[in-house]
Amino acid sequence: MPRSLRADARANHERLLEVAARAFAQEGTEASMKAIAAEAGVGIGTLYRRFPTREDLIEATYRNETDRLCASARRLLEEETPEAALRAWMEAFVDYMLTKRGMADALPVILASREGLRLHSRDALGAAVTTLLEAGIAAGRVRRDAAPNDVLMALGGITLISGHEHERALASRLITLLLDGLAPGHPADTA
């Protein structure tokens, strides 16, 4: 988002991205642009000035959701214990993946055509989970051999298995299992 936006334009931009994330998660990428604009409280012209194509809105929504999730890691650590912060972030990751799943039909093309988007997402997610794991390790609540990429792969698997809103409780139970596996004291951690 350009920094030169007025406060009201910035608020409109952010509201459009929030509404688009919900719409894409619920309806997929064919969600009505007109309905997104209306729910955000702006005219359709405002939406198209900010996002000239549906793909532009999908990319901006994906970037915004990724950035919001990643930024939440540090905020959670300021507010919670490392264990609670890691759990809350994992739960938010599942919600993020539900939004991403709603964009699944369009994202492969966008990720392939938008320079650096895939790498940006992978690096940002890796940095966020690294921050959380390091805090947990320092507090003695996460095993020392916990690998950020392994945790992200496990979370990805959890969302594949339980990635629908009606199966959200299953995702939470699987996160509990993952957290139990990250607890210190396992043989691989003490070796």
Protein backbone atom coordinates (compact mmCIF):
# COMPACT_ATOMS: atom_id res chain seq x y z
CA MET A 1 0.00 0.00 0.00
CA PRO A 2 1.47 3.38 -0.95
CA ARG A 3 2.46 5.43 2.09
CA SER A 4 1.14 8.66 0.60
CA LEU A 5 -2.51 7.69 1.11
CA ARG A 6 -4.65 9.98 3.21
CA ALA A 7 -5.93 8.53 6.46
CA ASP A 8 -9.43 7.93 5.03
CA ALA A 9 -8.03 6.31 1.89
CA ARG A 10 -5.74 4.10 4.00
CA ALA A 11 -8.74 3.08 6.15
CA ASN A 12 -10.73 2.24 3.00
CA HIS A 13 -7.81 0.20 1.68
CA GLU A 14 -7.49 -1.78 4.91
CA ARG A 15 -11.25 -2.33 5.18
CA LEU A 16 -11.38 -3.61 1.59
CA LEU A 17 -8.62 -6.13 2.34
CA GLU A 18 -10.34 -7.33 5.53
CA VAL A 19 -13.68 -7.77 3.77
CA ALA A 20 -12.02 -9.45 0.76
CA ALA A 21 -10.24 -11.94 3.05
CA ARG A 22 -13.57 -12.98 4.62
CA ALA A 23 -15.33 -13.11 1.24
CA PHE A 24 -12.59 -15.20 -0.39
CA ALA A 25 -12.49 -17.59 2.58
CA GLN A 26 -16.27 -18.09 2.43
CA GLU A 27 -17.02 -17.85 -1.29
CA GLY A 28 -13.73 -18.34 -3.10
CA THR A 29 -12.17 -15.95 -5.57
CA GLU A 30 -15.40 -15.55 -7.51
CA ALA A 31 -16.84 -13.54 -4.62
CA SER A 32 -18.68 -10.49 -5.88
CA MET A 33 -16.44 -7.44 -6.16
CA LYS A 34 -19.54 -5.27 -5.82
CA ALA A 35 -20.51 -7.04 -2.58
CA ILE A 36 -16.97 -6.66 -1.22
CA ALA A 37 -17.04 -2.93 -1.94
CA ALA A 38 -20.50 -2.54 -0.39
CA GLU A 39 -19.57 -4.43 2.79
CA ALA A 40 -16.41 -2.34 3.09
CA GLY A 41 -18.54 0.80 2.82
CA VAL A 42 -17.00 2.09 -0.40
CA GLY A 43 -18.16 2.39 -3.98
CA ILE A 44 -17.15 -0.09 -6.64
CA GLY A 45 -15.09 2.67 -8.29
CA THR A 46 -12.98 3.01 -5.14
CA LEU A 47 -12.34 -0.73 -5.14
CA TYR A 48 -11.24 -0.70 -8.79
CA ARG A 49 -9.05 2.40 -8.29
CA ARG A 50 -7.21 0.57 -5.51
CA PHE A 51 -7.27 -2.86 -7.20
CA PRO A 52 -7.75 -2.60 -11.00
CA THR A 53 -8.17 -6.38 -11.42
CA ARG A 54 -9.52 -9.24 -9.34
CA GLU A 55 -6.00 -10.68 -9.33
CA ASP A 56 -4.66 -7.44 -7.84
CA LEU A 57 -7.19 -7.70 -5.01
CA ILE A 58 -6.37 -11.38 -4.44
CA GLU A 59 -2.62 -10.67 -4.33
CA ALA A 60 -3.07 -7.71 -1.98
CA THR A 61 -5.34 -9.77 0.27
CA TYR A 62 -2.86 -12.65 0.34
CA ARG A 63 0.05 -10.30 1.13
CA ASN A 64 -1.95 -8.51 3.81
CA GLU A 65 -3.07 -11.73 5.51
CA THR A 66 0.49 -13.10 5.42
CA ASP A 67 1.93 -9.88 6.83
CA ARG A 68 -0.73 -9.66 9.55
CA LEU A 69 -0.11 -13.25 10.65
CA CYS A 70 3.66 -12.78 10.70
CA ALA A 71 3.49 -9.48 12.59
CA SER A 72 1.28 -11.09 15.20
CA ALA A 73 4.16 -13.31 16.43
CA ARG A 74 5.98 -10.48 18.21
CA ARG A 75 2.76 -8.95 19.52
CA LEU A 76 1.67 -12.31 20.95
CA LEU A 77 5.02 -12.72 22.69
CA GLU A 78 4.57 -9.32 24.32
CA GLU A 79 1.13 -10.30 25.62
CA GLU A 80 1.46 -14.03 26.40
CA THR A 81 3.86 -16.66 27.65
CA PRO A 82 5.95 -18.20 24.84
CA GLU A 83 3.79 -21.36 25.00
CA ALA A 84 0.51 -19.45 24.79
CA ALA A 85 1.89 -17.20 22.05
CA LEU A 86 2.93 -20.22 19.97
CA ARG A 87 -0.49 -21.84 20.39
CA ALA A 88 -2.33 -18.63 19.49
CA TRP A 89 -0.11 -18.14 16.43
CA MET A 90 -0.71 -21.73 15.30
CA GLU A 91 -4.47 -21.23 15.63
CA ALA A 92 -4.16 -18.01 13.61
CA PHE A 93 -2.11 -19.90 11.01
CA VAL A 94 -4.99 -22.34 10.50
CA ASP A 95 -7.38 -19.40 10.01
CA TYR A 96 -4.89 -17.85 7.56
CA MET A 97 -4.79 -21.09 5.60
CA LEU A 98 -8.60 -21.16 5.45
CA THR A 99 -8.49 -17.73 3.81
CA LYS A 100 -5.71 -18.89 1.49
CA ARG A 101 -7.73 -22.00 0.59
CA GLY A 102 -10.56 -19.74 -0.58
CA MET A 103 -8.09 -18.19 -3.01
CA ALA A 104 -6.63 -21.56 -4.07
CA ASP A 105 -7.92 -21.49 -7.62
CA ALA A 106 -6.24 -18.15 -8.37
CA LEU A 107 -3.14 -18.20 -6.14
CA PRO A 108 -0.93 -20.57 -8.17
CA VAL A 109 -1.08 -18.29 -11.20
CA ILE A 110 -0.60 -15.17 -9.08
CA LEU A 111 2.30 -16.69 -7.13
CA ALA A 112 3.96 -17.73 -10.38
CA SER A 113 3.47 -14.39 -12.11
CA ARG A 114 4.19 -11.93 -9.28
CA GLU A 115 7.93 -11.66 -8.77
CA GLY A 116 9.07 -12.61 -5.27
CA LEU A 117 5.62 -13.14 -3.74
CA ARG A 118 6.14 -16.83 -2.92
CA LEU A 119 9.61 -16.20 -1.48
CA HIS A 120 8.35 -13.23 0.56
CA SER A 121 5.62 -15.37 2.10
CA ARG A 122 7.90 -18.31 2.86
CA ASP A 123 10.56 -16.08 4.42
CA ALA A 124 8.06 -14.08 6.49
CA LEU A 125 6.33 -17.21 7.83
CA GLY A 126 9.68 -18.83 8.58
CA ALA A 127 10.89 -15.75 10.48
CA ALA A 128 7.66 -15.55 12.51
CA VAL A 129 7.72 -19.19 13.60
CA THR A 130 11.46 -18.94 14.32
CA THR A 131 10.80 -16.01 16.65
CA LEU A 132 8.15 -17.99 18.51
CA LEU A 133 10.23 -21.17 18.75
CA GLU A 134 13.31 -19.31 19.95
CA ALA A 135 11.27 -17.66 22.71
CA GLY A 136 9.88 -21.05 23.71
CA ILE A 137 13.35 -22.63 23.71
CA ALA A 138 14.77 -19.76 25.79
CA ALA A 139 11.93 -20.23 28.30
CA GLY A 140 12.57 -23.98 28.45
CA ARG A 141 9.09 -24.73 27.04
CA VAL A 142 10.08 -25.90 23.53
CA ARG A 143 12.62 -28.58 22.68
CA ARG A 144 15.95 -27.32 21.36
CA ASP A 145 15.82 -29.30 18.14
CA ALA A 146 12.50 -27.81 16.98
CA ALA A 147 12.96 -26.81 13.35
CA PRO A 148 10.84 -23.92 12.01
CA ASN A 149 10.31 -25.57 8.62
CA ASP A 150 9.17 -28.79 10.29
CA VAL A 151 6.65 -26.85 12.36
CA LEU A 152 5.33 -25.05 9.28
CA MET A 153 5.05 -28.36 7.40
CA ALA A 154 3.16 -29.90 10.34
CA LEU A 155 0.81 -26.92 10.46
CA GLY A 156 0.27 -27.22 6.72
CA GLY A 157 -0.64 -30.88 7.21
CA ILE A 158 -3.05 -29.97 9.98
CA THR A 159 -4.83 -27.54 7.69
CA LEU A 160 -5.03 -30.12 4.91
CA ILE A 161 -6.65 -32.61 7.26
CA SER A 162 -8.93 -30.22 9.08
CA GLY A 163 -8.97 -27.12 6.94
CA HIS A 164 -12.69 -26.50 6.77
CA GLU A 165 -14.51 -24.22 9.17
CA HIS A 166 -16.78 -27.03 10.38
CA GLU A 167 -13.67 -29.07 11.30
CA ARG A 168 -11.97 -26.23 13.19
CA ALA A 169 -12.10 -28.13 16.53
CA LEU A 170 -10.09 -30.95 14.94
CA ALA A 171 -7.39 -28.45 13.96
CA SER A 172 -7.16 -27.27 17.58
CA ARG A 173 -6.81 -30.84 18.83
CA LEU A 174 -4.06 -31.53 16.29
CA ILE A 175 -2.28 -28.32 17.32
CA THR A 176 -2.31 -29.64 20.89
CA LEU A 177 -0.61 -32.82 19.67
CA LEU A 178 1.97 -30.79 17.77
CA LEU A 179 2.66 -28.65 20.83
CA ASP A 180 3.01 -31.78 22.97
CA GLY A 181 5.60 -33.01 20.47
CA LEU A 182 7.48 -29.72 20.73
CA ALA A 183 7.69 -29.91 24.52
CA PRO A 184 11.19 -30.46 25.92
CA GLY A 185 12.24 -33.78 27.35
CA HIS A 186 11.73 -36.00 24.29
CA PRO A 187 14.68 -38.35 23.59
CA ALA A 188 15.76 -36.42 20.47
CA ASP A 189 15.87 -33.20 22.51
CA THR A 190 18.10 -34.59 25.24
CA ALA A 191 20.62 -36.30 22.95
